[in-house]
ModelCIF file with pLDDT and N, C-alpha, C, O atoms, coordinates in Angstrom:
data_MODEL
#
_entry.id   MODEL 
#
_entity.id                         1 
_entity.type                       polymer 
_entity.pdbx_number_of_molecules   1 
#
_entity_poly.entity_id                      1 
_entity_poly.type                           'polypeptide(L)' 
_entity_poly.nstd_linkage                   no 
_entity_poly.nstd_monomer                   no 
_entity_poly.pdbx_seq_one_letter_code       HKHFRLHVWDITANVLSVRSIPKLIKFLWETYPDVKVQIRPVIN 
_entity_poly.pdbx_seq_one_letter_code_can   HKHFRLHVWDITANVLSVRSIPKLIKFLWETYPDVKVQIRPVIN 
_entity_poly.pdbx_strand_id                 A 
#
loop_
_entity_poly_seq.entity_id 
_entity_poly_seq.num 
_entity_poly_seq.mon_id 
_entity_poly_seq.hetero 
1 1  HIS n 
1 2  LYS n 
1 3  HIS n 
1 4  PHE n 
1 5  ARG n 
1 6  LEU n 
1 7  HIS n 
1 8  VAL n 
1 9  TRP n 
1 10 ASP n 
1 11 ILE n 
1 12 THR n 
1 13 ALA n 
1 14 ASN n 
1 15 VAL n 
1 16 LEU n 
1 17 SER n 
1 18 VAL n 
1 19 ARG n 
1 20 SER n 
1 21 ILE n 
1 22 PRO n 
1 23 LYS n 
1 24 LEU n 
1 25 ILE n 
1 26 LYS n 
1 27 PHE n 
1 28 LEU n 
1 29 TRP n 
1 30 GLU n 
1 31 THR n 
1 32 TYR n 
1 33 PRO n 
1 34 ASP n 
1 35 VAL n 
1 36 LYS n 
1 37 VAL n 
1 38 GLN n 
1 39 ILE n 
1 40 ARG n 
1 41 PRO n 
1 42 VAL n 
1 43 ILE n 
1 44 ASN n 
#
_struct_asym.id          A 
_struct_asym.entity_id   1 
#
loop_
_ma_qa_metric.id 
_ma_qa_metric.mode 
_ma_qa_metric.name 
_ma_qa_metric.software_group_id 
_ma_qa_metric.type 
1 global pLDDT . pLDDT 
2 local  pLDDT . pLDDT 
#
_ma_qa_metric_global.metric_id      1 
_ma_qa_metric_global.metric_value   94.77 
_ma_qa_metric_global.model_id       1 
_ma_qa_metric_global.ordinal_id     1 
#
loop_
_ma_qa_metric_local.label_asym_id 
_ma_qa_metric_local.label_comp_id 
_ma_qa_metric_local.label_seq_id 
_ma_qa_metric_local.metric_id 
_ma_qa_metric_local.metric_value 
_ma_qa_metric_local.model_id 
_ma_qa_metric_local.ordinal_id 
A HIS 1  2 92.00 1 1  
A LYS 2  2 91.00 1 2  
A HIS 3  2 91.00 1 3  
A PHE 4  2 89.00 1 4  
A ARG 5  2 85.00 1 5  
A LEU 6  2 86.00 1 6  
A HIS 7  2 86.00 1 7  
A VAL 8  2 91.00 1 8  
A TRP 9  2 95.00 1 9  
A ASP 10 2 96.00 1 10 
A ILE 11 2 98.00 1 11 
A THR 12 2 97.00 1 12 
A ALA 13 2 98.00 1 13 
A ASN 14 2 98.00 1 14 
A VAL 15 2 98.00 1 15 
A LEU 16 2 98.00 1 16 
A SER 17 2 98.00 1 17 
A VAL 18 2 98.00 1 18 
A ARG 19 2 98.00 1 19 
A SER 20 2 98.00 1 20 
A ILE 21 2 98.00 1 21 
A PRO 22 2 98.00 1 22 
A LYS 23 2 98.00 1 23 
A LEU 24 2 97.00 1 24 
A ILE 25 2 98.00 1 25 
A LYS 26 2 97.00 1 26 
A PHE 27 2 97.00 1 27 
A LEU 28 2 96.00 1 28 
A TRP 29 2 97.00 1 29 
A GLU 30 2 97.00 1 30 
A THR 31 2 95.00 1 31 
A TYR 32 2 95.00 1 32 
A PRO 33 2 94.00 1 33 
A ASP 34 2 92.00 1 34 
A VAL 35 2 93.00 1 35 
A LYS 36 2 93.00 1 36 
A VAL 37 2 96.00 1 37 
A GLN 38 2 95.00 1 38 
A ILE 39 2 97.00 1 39 
A ARG 40 2 94.00 1 40 
A PRO 41 2 96.00 1 41 
A VAL 42 2 96.00 1 42 
A ILE 43 2 90.00 1 43 
A ASN 44 2 90.00 1 44 
#
loop_
_atom_site.group_PDB 
_atom_site.id 
_atom_site.type_symbol 
_atom_site.label_atom_id 
_atom_site.label_alt_id 
_atom_site.label_comp_id 
_atom_site.label_asym_id 
_atom_site.label_entity_id 
_atom_site.label_seq_id 
_atom_site.pdbx_PDB_ins_code 
_atom_site.Cartn_x 
_atom_site.Cartn_y 
_atom_site.Cartn_z 
_atom_site.occupancy 
_atom_site.B_iso_or_equiv 
_atom_site.pdbx_formal_charge 
_atom_site.auth_seq_id 
_atom_site.auth_comp_id 
_atom_site.auth_asym_id 
_atom_site.auth_atom_id 
_atom_site.pdbx_PDB_model_num 
ATOM 1   N N  . HIS A 1 1  ? -12.138 6.137   5.335  1.00 92.00 ? 1  HIS A N  1 
ATOM 2   C CA . HIS A 1 1  ? -12.335 6.495   4.305  1.00 92.00 ? 1  HIS A CA 1 
ATOM 3   C C  . HIS A 1 1  ? -13.905 7.401   4.326  1.00 92.00 ? 1  HIS A C  1 
ATOM 4   O O  . HIS A 1 1  ? -14.226 8.311   3.562  1.00 92.00 ? 1  HIS A O  1 
ATOM 5   N N  . LYS A 1 2  ? -14.678 6.835   5.409  1.00 91.00 ? 2  LYS A N  1 
ATOM 6   C CA . LYS A 1 2  ? -16.151 7.519   5.254  1.00 91.00 ? 2  LYS A CA 1 
ATOM 7   C C  . LYS A 1 2  ? -16.070 8.699   5.844  1.00 91.00 ? 2  LYS A C  1 
ATOM 8   O O  . LYS A 1 2  ? -16.923 9.568   5.663  1.00 91.00 ? 2  LYS A O  1 
ATOM 9   N N  . HIS A 1 3  ? -14.679 8.907   6.878  1.00 91.00 ? 3  HIS A N  1 
ATOM 10  C CA . HIS A 1 3  ? -15.008 10.123  7.731  1.00 91.00 ? 3  HIS A CA 1 
ATOM 11  C C  . HIS A 1 3  ? -14.032 11.208  7.041  1.00 91.00 ? 3  HIS A C  1 
ATOM 12  O O  . HIS A 1 3  ? -14.358 12.386  6.896  1.00 91.00 ? 3  HIS A O  1 
ATOM 13  N N  . PHE A 1 4  ? -12.762 10.653  6.622  1.00 89.00 ? 4  PHE A N  1 
ATOM 14  C CA . PHE A 1 4  ? -11.532 11.628  6.506  1.00 89.00 ? 4  PHE A CA 1 
ATOM 15  C C  . PHE A 1 4  ? -11.187 11.140  5.175  1.00 89.00 ? 4  PHE A C  1 
ATOM 16  O O  . PHE A 1 4  ? -11.760 10.186  4.648  1.00 89.00 ? 4  PHE A O  1 
ATOM 17  N N  . ARG A 1 5  ? -10.104 11.908  4.561  1.00 85.00 ? 5  ARG A N  1 
ATOM 18  C CA . ARG A 1 5  ? -9.368  11.304  3.349  1.00 85.00 ? 5  ARG A CA 1 
ATOM 19  C C  . ARG A 1 5  ? -8.275  10.653  3.652  1.00 85.00 ? 5  ARG A C  1 
ATOM 20  O O  . ARG A 1 5  ? -7.286  11.021  4.285  1.00 85.00 ? 5  ARG A O  1 
ATOM 21  N N  . LEU A 1 6  ? -8.579  9.462   3.057  1.00 86.00 ? 6  LEU A N  1 
ATOM 22  C CA . LEU A 1 6  ? -6.941  8.560   3.358  1.00 86.00 ? 6  LEU A CA 1 
ATOM 23  C C  . LEU A 1 6  ? -5.972  9.073   2.257  1.00 86.00 ? 6  LEU A C  1 
ATOM 24  O O  . LEU A 1 6  ? -6.131  9.042   1.037  1.00 86.00 ? 6  LEU A O  1 
ATOM 25  N N  . HIS A 1 7  ? -5.178  9.440   2.811  1.00 86.00 ? 7  HIS A N  1 
ATOM 26  C CA . HIS A 1 7  ? -3.815  10.081  1.781  1.00 86.00 ? 7  HIS A CA 1 
ATOM 27  C C  . HIS A 1 7  ? -3.026  9.200   1.381  1.00 86.00 ? 7  HIS A C  1 
ATOM 28  O O  . HIS A 1 7  ? -2.920  9.062   0.162  1.00 86.00 ? 7  HIS A O  1 
ATOM 29  N N  . VAL A 1 8  ? -2.425  8.545   2.065  1.00 91.00 ? 8  VAL A N  1 
ATOM 30  C CA . VAL A 1 8  ? -1.488  7.460   1.627  1.00 91.00 ? 8  VAL A CA 1 
ATOM 31  C C  . VAL A 1 8  ? -1.590  6.153   2.139  1.00 91.00 ? 8  VAL A C  1 
ATOM 32  O O  . VAL A 1 8  ? -1.910  6.011   3.319  1.00 91.00 ? 8  VAL A O  1 
ATOM 33  N N  . TRP A 1 9  ? -1.290  4.866   1.193  1.00 95.00 ? 9  TRP A N  1 
ATOM 34  C CA . TRP A 1 9  ? -1.028  3.768   1.638  1.00 95.00 ? 9  TRP A CA 1 
ATOM 35  C C  . TRP A 1 9  ? 0.438   3.637   2.026  1.00 95.00 ? 9  TRP A C  1 
ATOM 36  O O  . TRP A 1 9  ? 1.186   3.697   1.051  1.00 95.00 ? 9  TRP A O  1 
ATOM 37  N N  . ASP A 1 10 ? 1.019   3.478   3.163  1.00 96.00 ? 10 ASP A N  1 
ATOM 38  C CA . ASP A 1 10 ? 2.394   3.355   3.635  1.00 96.00 ? 10 ASP A CA 1 
ATOM 39  C C  . ASP A 1 10 ? 2.506   1.723   3.706  1.00 96.00 ? 10 ASP A C  1 
ATOM 40  O O  . ASP A 1 10 ? 1.905   0.980   4.482  1.00 96.00 ? 10 ASP A O  1 
ATOM 41  N N  . ILE A 1 11 ? 3.447   1.368   2.674  1.00 98.00 ? 11 ILE A N  1 
ATOM 42  C CA . ILE A 1 11 ? 3.688   -0.111  2.847  1.00 98.00 ? 11 ILE A CA 1 
ATOM 43  C C  . ILE A 1 11 ? 5.213   -0.305  3.065  1.00 98.00 ? 11 ILE A C  1 
ATOM 44  O O  . ILE A 1 11 ? 6.046   0.080   2.244  1.00 98.00 ? 11 ILE A O  1 
ATOM 45  N N  . THR A 1 12 ? 5.528   -0.951  4.271  1.00 97.00 ? 12 THR A N  1 
ATOM 46  C CA . THR A 1 12 ? 7.007   -1.347  4.374  1.00 97.00 ? 12 THR A CA 1 
ATOM 47  C C  . THR A 1 12 ? 7.117   -2.833  3.938  1.00 97.00 ? 12 THR A C  1 
ATOM 48  O O  . THR A 1 12 ? 6.600   -3.779  4.532  1.00 97.00 ? 12 THR A O  1 
ATOM 49  N N  . ALA A 1 13 ? 7.959   -2.902  2.673  1.00 98.00 ? 13 ALA A N  1 
ATOM 50  C CA . ALA A 1 13 ? 8.026   -4.218  2.123  1.00 98.00 ? 13 ALA A CA 1 
ATOM 51  C C  . ALA A 1 13 ? 9.598   -4.861  2.750  1.00 98.00 ? 13 ALA A C  1 
ATOM 52  O O  . ALA A 1 13 ? 10.689  -4.326  2.948  1.00 98.00 ? 13 ALA A O  1 
ATOM 53  N N  . ASN A 1 14 ? 9.136   -6.105  2.912  1.00 98.00 ? 14 ASN A N  1 
ATOM 54  C CA . ASN A 1 14 ? 10.519  -6.737  3.421  1.00 98.00 ? 14 ASN A CA 1 
ATOM 55  C C  . ASN A 1 14 ? 10.557  -8.313  2.542  1.00 98.00 ? 14 ASN A C  1 
ATOM 56  O O  . ASN A 1 14 ? 9.718   -8.606  1.690  1.00 98.00 ? 14 ASN A O  1 
ATOM 57  N N  . VAL A 1 15 ? 11.700  -9.209  2.956  1.00 98.00 ? 15 VAL A N  1 
ATOM 58  C CA . VAL A 1 15 ? 11.710  -10.171 1.966  1.00 98.00 ? 15 VAL A CA 1 
ATOM 59  C C  . VAL A 1 15 ? 10.602  -11.146 2.292  1.00 98.00 ? 15 VAL A C  1 
ATOM 60  O O  . VAL A 1 15 ? 10.322  -12.005 1.456  1.00 98.00 ? 15 VAL A O  1 
ATOM 61  N N  . LEU A 1 16 ? 9.978   -11.086 3.386  1.00 98.00 ? 16 LEU A N  1 
ATOM 62  C CA . LEU A 1 16 ? 8.931   -12.214 3.766  1.00 98.00 ? 16 LEU A CA 1 
ATOM 63  C C  . LEU A 1 16 ? 7.538   -11.812 3.320  1.00 98.00 ? 16 LEU A C  1 
ATOM 64  O O  . LEU A 1 16 ? 6.592   -12.597 3.260  1.00 98.00 ? 16 LEU A O  1 
ATOM 65  N N  . SER A 1 17 ? 7.488   -10.391 2.982  1.00 98.00 ? 17 SER A N  1 
ATOM 66  C CA . SER A 1 17 ? 5.996   -10.067 2.711  1.00 98.00 ? 17 SER A CA 1 
ATOM 67  C C  . SER A 1 17 ? 6.068   -9.576  1.271  1.00 98.00 ? 17 SER A C  1 
ATOM 68  O O  . SER A 1 17 ? 4.977   -9.535  0.702  1.00 98.00 ? 17 SER A O  1 
ATOM 69  N N  . VAL A 1 18 ? 7.162   -9.183  0.548  1.00 98.00 ? 18 VAL A N  1 
ATOM 70  C CA . VAL A 1 18 ? 7.297   -8.705  -0.623 1.00 98.00 ? 18 VAL A CA 1 
ATOM 71  C C  . VAL A 1 18 ? 6.511   -9.463  -1.922 1.00 98.00 ? 18 VAL A C  1 
ATOM 72  O O  . VAL A 1 18 ? 6.193   -8.848  -2.940 1.00 98.00 ? 18 VAL A O  1 
ATOM 73  N N  . ARG A 1 19 ? 6.268   -10.826 -1.721 1.00 98.00 ? 19 ARG A N  1 
ATOM 74  C CA . ARG A 1 19 ? 5.679   -11.566 -2.793 1.00 98.00 ? 19 ARG A CA 1 
ATOM 75  C C  . ARG A 1 19 ? 4.369   -11.317 -2.632 1.00 98.00 ? 19 ARG A C  1 
ATOM 76  O O  . ARG A 1 19 ? 3.736   -11.287 -3.687 1.00 98.00 ? 19 ARG A O  1 
ATOM 77  N N  . SER A 1 20 ? 3.752   -11.127 -1.626 1.00 98.00 ? 20 SER A N  1 
ATOM 78  C CA . SER A 1 20 ? 2.071   -10.822 -1.423 1.00 98.00 ? 20 SER A CA 1 
ATOM 79  C C  . SER A 1 20 ? 1.665   -9.284  -1.692 1.00 98.00 ? 20 SER A C  1 
ATOM 80  O O  . SER A 1 20 ? 0.503   -8.891  -1.792 1.00 98.00 ? 20 SER A O  1 
ATOM 81  N N  . ILE A 1 21 ? 2.922   -8.412  -1.801 1.00 98.00 ? 21 ILE A N  1 
ATOM 82  C CA . ILE A 1 21 ? 2.522   -7.219  -2.060 1.00 98.00 ? 21 ILE A CA 1 
ATOM 83  C C  . ILE A 1 21 ? 1.687   -6.455  -3.228 1.00 98.00 ? 21 ILE A C  1 
ATOM 84  O O  . ILE A 1 21 ? 0.863   -5.544  -3.140 1.00 98.00 ? 21 ILE A O  1 
ATOM 85  N N  . PRO A 1 22 ? 2.295   -7.287  -4.564 1.00 98.00 ? 22 PRO A N  1 
ATOM 86  C CA . PRO A 1 22 ? 1.329   -6.695  -5.696 1.00 98.00 ? 22 PRO A CA 1 
ATOM 87  C C  . PRO A 1 22 ? -0.079  -7.159  -5.799 1.00 98.00 ? 22 PRO A C  1 
ATOM 88  O O  . PRO A 1 22 ? -0.865  -6.533  -6.510 1.00 98.00 ? 22 PRO A O  1 
ATOM 89  N N  . LYS A 1 23 ? -0.446  -8.200  -5.146 1.00 98.00 ? 23 LYS A N  1 
ATOM 90  C CA . LYS A 1 23 ? -1.903  -8.484  -4.845 1.00 98.00 ? 23 LYS A CA 1 
ATOM 91  C C  . LYS A 1 23 ? -2.769  -7.188  -3.968 1.00 98.00 ? 23 LYS A C  1 
ATOM 92  O O  . LYS A 1 23 ? -3.899  -6.745  -4.177 1.00 98.00 ? 23 LYS A O  1 
ATOM 93  N N  . LEU A 1 24 ? -1.641  -6.761  -2.816 1.00 97.00 ? 24 LEU A N  1 
ATOM 94  C CA . LEU A 1 24 ? -2.229  -5.748  -2.094 1.00 97.00 ? 24 LEU A CA 1 
ATOM 95  C C  . LEU A 1 24 ? -2.596  -4.543  -2.961 1.00 97.00 ? 24 LEU A C  1 
ATOM 96  O O  . LEU A 1 24 ? -3.742  -4.097  -3.023 1.00 97.00 ? 24 LEU A O  1 
ATOM 97  N N  . ILE A 1 25 ? -1.530  -4.036  -3.639 1.00 98.00 ? 25 ILE A N  1 
ATOM 98  C CA . ILE A 1 25 ? -1.476  -2.742  -4.335 1.00 98.00 ? 25 ILE A CA 1 
ATOM 99  C C  . ILE A 1 25 ? -2.609  -2.829  -5.393 1.00 98.00 ? 25 ILE A C  1 
ATOM 100 O O  . ILE A 1 25 ? -3.243  -1.797  -5.616 1.00 98.00 ? 25 ILE A O  1 
ATOM 101 N N  . LYS A 1 26 ? -2.906  -3.912  -6.033 1.00 97.00 ? 26 LYS A N  1 
ATOM 102 C CA . LYS A 1 26 ? -4.106  -3.901  -6.966 1.00 97.00 ? 26 LYS A CA 1 
ATOM 103 C C  . LYS A 1 26 ? -5.273  -3.761  -6.377 1.00 97.00 ? 26 LYS A C  1 
ATOM 104 O O  . LYS A 1 26 ? -6.179  -3.003  -6.721 1.00 97.00 ? 26 LYS A O  1 
ATOM 105 N N  . PHE A 1 27 ? -5.252  -4.559  -5.408 1.00 97.00 ? 27 PHE A N  1 
ATOM 106 C CA . PHE A 1 27 ? -6.619  -4.230  -4.626 1.00 97.00 ? 27 PHE A CA 1 
ATOM 107 C C  . PHE A 1 27 ? -6.853  -2.696  -4.161 1.00 97.00 ? 27 PHE A C  1 
ATOM 108 O O  . PHE A 1 27 ? -7.952  -2.193  -4.395 1.00 97.00 ? 27 PHE A O  1 
ATOM 109 N N  . LEU A 1 28 ? -5.825  -1.922  -3.492 1.00 96.00 ? 28 LEU A N  1 
ATOM 110 C CA . LEU A 1 28 ? -5.874  -0.758  -3.088 1.00 96.00 ? 28 LEU A CA 1 
ATOM 111 C C  . LEU A 1 28 ? -6.219  -0.021  -4.388 1.00 96.00 ? 28 LEU A C  1 
ATOM 112 O O  . LEU A 1 28 ? -7.208  0.691   -4.218 1.00 96.00 ? 28 LEU A O  1 
ATOM 113 N N  . TRP A 1 29 ? -5.781  0.031   -5.483 1.00 97.00 ? 29 TRP A N  1 
ATOM 114 C CA . TRP A 1 29 ? -6.039  0.690   -6.622 1.00 97.00 ? 29 TRP A CA 1 
ATOM 115 C C  . TRP A 1 29 ? -7.192  0.784   -7.142 1.00 97.00 ? 29 TRP A C  1 
ATOM 116 O O  . TRP A 1 29 ? -7.668  1.787   -7.672 1.00 97.00 ? 29 TRP A O  1 
ATOM 117 N N  . GLU A 1 30 ? -7.878  -0.657  -6.960 1.00 97.00 ? 30 GLU A N  1 
ATOM 118 C CA . GLU A 1 30 ? -9.153  -0.671  -7.543 1.00 97.00 ? 30 GLU A CA 1 
ATOM 119 C C  . GLU A 1 30 ? -10.136 -0.111  -6.248 1.00 97.00 ? 30 GLU A C  1 
ATOM 120 O O  . GLU A 1 30 ? -11.091 0.645   -6.423 1.00 97.00 ? 30 GLU A O  1 
ATOM 121 N N  . THR A 1 31 ? -9.748  -0.581  -5.060 1.00 95.00 ? 31 THR A N  1 
ATOM 122 C CA . THR A 1 31 ? -11.030 -0.081  -4.389 1.00 95.00 ? 31 THR A CA 1 
ATOM 123 C C  . THR A 1 31 ? -10.781 1.835   -3.955 1.00 95.00 ? 31 THR A C  1 
ATOM 124 O O  . THR A 1 31 ? -11.642 2.704   -4.087 1.00 95.00 ? 31 THR A O  1 
ATOM 125 N N  . TYR A 1 32 ? -9.743  1.974   -3.580 1.00 95.00 ? 32 TYR A N  1 
ATOM 126 C CA . TYR A 1 32 ? -9.293  3.564   -3.350 1.00 95.00 ? 32 TYR A CA 1 
ATOM 127 C C  . TYR A 1 32 ? -8.501  4.135   -4.594 1.00 95.00 ? 32 TYR A C  1 
ATOM 128 O O  . TYR A 1 32 ? -7.330  4.448   -4.383 1.00 95.00 ? 32 TYR A O  1 
ATOM 129 N N  . PRO A 1 33 ? -8.948  4.284   -5.707 1.00 94.00 ? 33 PRO A N  1 
ATOM 130 C CA . PRO A 1 33 ? -8.466  4.929   -6.776 1.00 94.00 ? 33 PRO A CA 1 
ATOM 131 C C  . PRO A 1 33 ? -7.458  6.185   -6.658 1.00 94.00 ? 33 PRO A C  1 
ATOM 132 O O  . PRO A 1 33 ? -6.412  6.423   -7.263 1.00 94.00 ? 33 PRO A O  1 
ATOM 133 N N  . ASP A 1 34 ? -8.158  6.910   -5.648 1.00 92.00 ? 34 ASP A N  1 
ATOM 134 C CA . ASP A 1 34 ? -7.397  8.605   -5.451 1.00 92.00 ? 34 ASP A CA 1 
ATOM 135 C C  . ASP A 1 34 ? -6.415  8.246   -4.365 1.00 92.00 ? 34 ASP A C  1 
ATOM 136 O O  . ASP A 1 34 ? -5.699  9.186   -4.021 1.00 92.00 ? 34 ASP A O  1 
ATOM 137 N N  . VAL A 1 35 ? -6.222  7.117   -3.757 1.00 93.00 ? 35 VAL A N  1 
ATOM 138 C CA . VAL A 1 35 ? -5.122  7.302   -2.922 1.00 93.00 ? 35 VAL A CA 1 
ATOM 139 C C  . VAL A 1 35 ? -3.647  6.948   -3.070 1.00 93.00 ? 35 VAL A C  1 
ATOM 140 O O  . VAL A 1 35 ? -3.412  5.863   -3.600 1.00 93.00 ? 35 VAL A O  1 
ATOM 141 N N  . LYS A 1 36 ? -2.719  7.627   -2.719 1.00 93.00 ? 36 LYS A N  1 
ATOM 142 C CA . LYS A 1 36 ? -1.426  7.403   -3.136 1.00 93.00 ? 36 LYS A CA 1 
ATOM 143 C C  . LYS A 1 36 ? -0.976  6.044   -2.449 1.00 93.00 ? 36 LYS A C  1 
ATOM 144 O O  . LYS A 1 36 ? -1.377  5.652   -1.354 1.00 93.00 ? 36 LYS A O  1 
ATOM 145 N N  . VAL A 1 37 ? -0.069  5.387   -3.284 1.00 96.00 ? 37 VAL A N  1 
ATOM 146 C CA . VAL A 1 37 ? 0.777   4.047   -2.649 1.00 96.00 ? 37 VAL A CA 1 
ATOM 147 C C  . VAL A 1 37 ? 2.217   4.296   -2.307 1.00 96.00 ? 37 VAL A C  1 
ATOM 148 O O  . VAL A 1 37 ? 2.983   4.230   -3.268 1.00 96.00 ? 37 VAL A O  1 
ATOM 149 N N  . GLN A 1 38 ? 2.669   4.529   -1.302 1.00 95.00 ? 38 GLN A N  1 
ATOM 150 C CA . GLN A 1 38 ? 3.902   4.683   -0.953 1.00 95.00 ? 38 GLN A CA 1 
ATOM 151 C C  . GLN A 1 38 ? 4.575   3.338   -0.479 1.00 95.00 ? 38 GLN A C  1 
ATOM 152 O O  . GLN A 1 38 ? 4.004   2.421   0.112  1.00 95.00 ? 38 GLN A O  1 
ATOM 153 N N  . ILE A 1 39 ? 5.871   3.400   -0.846 1.00 97.00 ? 39 ILE A N  1 
ATOM 154 C CA . ILE A 1 39 ? 6.371   1.715   -0.553 1.00 97.00 ? 39 ILE A CA 1 
ATOM 155 C C  . ILE A 1 39 ? 8.023   2.296   -0.180 1.00 97.00 ? 39 ILE A C  1 
ATOM 156 O O  . ILE A 1 39 ? 8.468   3.323   -0.693 1.00 97.00 ? 39 ILE A O  1 
ATOM 157 N N  . ARG A 1 40 ? 8.833   1.412   0.829  1.00 94.00 ? 40 ARG A N  1 
ATOM 158 C CA . ARG A 1 40 ? 9.720   1.349   0.935  1.00 94.00 ? 40 ARG A CA 1 
ATOM 159 C C  . ARG A 1 40 ? 10.481  0.315   1.611  1.00 94.00 ? 40 ARG A C  1 
ATOM 160 O O  . ARG A 1 40 ? 10.003  0.008   2.703  1.00 94.00 ? 40 ARG A O  1 
ATOM 161 N N  . PRO A 1 41 ? 11.361  -0.206  1.326  1.00 96.00 ? 41 PRO A N  1 
ATOM 162 C CA . PRO A 1 41 ? 12.140  -1.232  1.710  1.00 96.00 ? 41 PRO A CA 1 
ATOM 163 C C  . PRO A 1 41 ? 12.748  -1.345  3.488  1.00 96.00 ? 41 PRO A C  1 
ATOM 164 O O  . PRO A 1 41 ? 13.130  -0.348  4.100  1.00 96.00 ? 41 PRO A O  1 
ATOM 165 N N  . VAL A 1 42 ? 12.726  -2.795  4.107  1.00 96.00 ? 42 VAL A N  1 
ATOM 166 C CA . VAL A 1 42 ? 13.194  -2.563  5.196  1.00 96.00 ? 42 VAL A CA 1 
ATOM 167 C C  . VAL A 1 42 ? 14.740  -2.891  4.915  1.00 96.00 ? 42 VAL A C  1 
ATOM 168 O O  . VAL A 1 42 ? 15.135  -3.880  4.297  1.00 96.00 ? 42 VAL A O  1 
ATOM 169 N N  . ILE A 1 43 ? 15.433  -2.031  5.397  1.00 90.00 ? 43 ILE A N  1 
ATOM 170 C CA . ILE A 1 43 ? 16.936  -2.110  5.468  1.00 90.00 ? 43 ILE A CA 1 
ATOM 171 C C  . ILE A 1 43 ? 17.586  -1.893  6.774  1.00 90.00 ? 43 ILE A C  1 
ATOM 172 O O  . ILE A 1 43 ? 18.733  -1.454  6.681  1.00 90.00 ? 43 ILE A O  1 
ATOM 173 N N  . ASN A 1 44 ? 17.190  -2.068  7.836  1.00 90.00 ? 44 ASN A N  1 
ATOM 174 C CA . ASN A 1 44 ? 17.591  -2.191  9.190  1.00 90.00 ? 44 ASN A CA 1 
ATOM 175 C C  . ASN A 1 44 ? 17.601  -3.436  10.103 1.00 90.00 ? 44 ASN A C  1 
ATOM 176 O O  . ASN A 1 44 ? 17.990  -3.345  11.267 1.00 90.00 ? 44 ASN A O  1 
#
């Protein structure tokens, strides 16, 4: 973040991690408010 623009937080959500993801996203929004959050599910 110091040297370059953080453009996207890229989150891959799966059934074993999804319960912790809201806490992660809240932290990212508070710490890096200008960085977009993108999320997708594991399907394969």
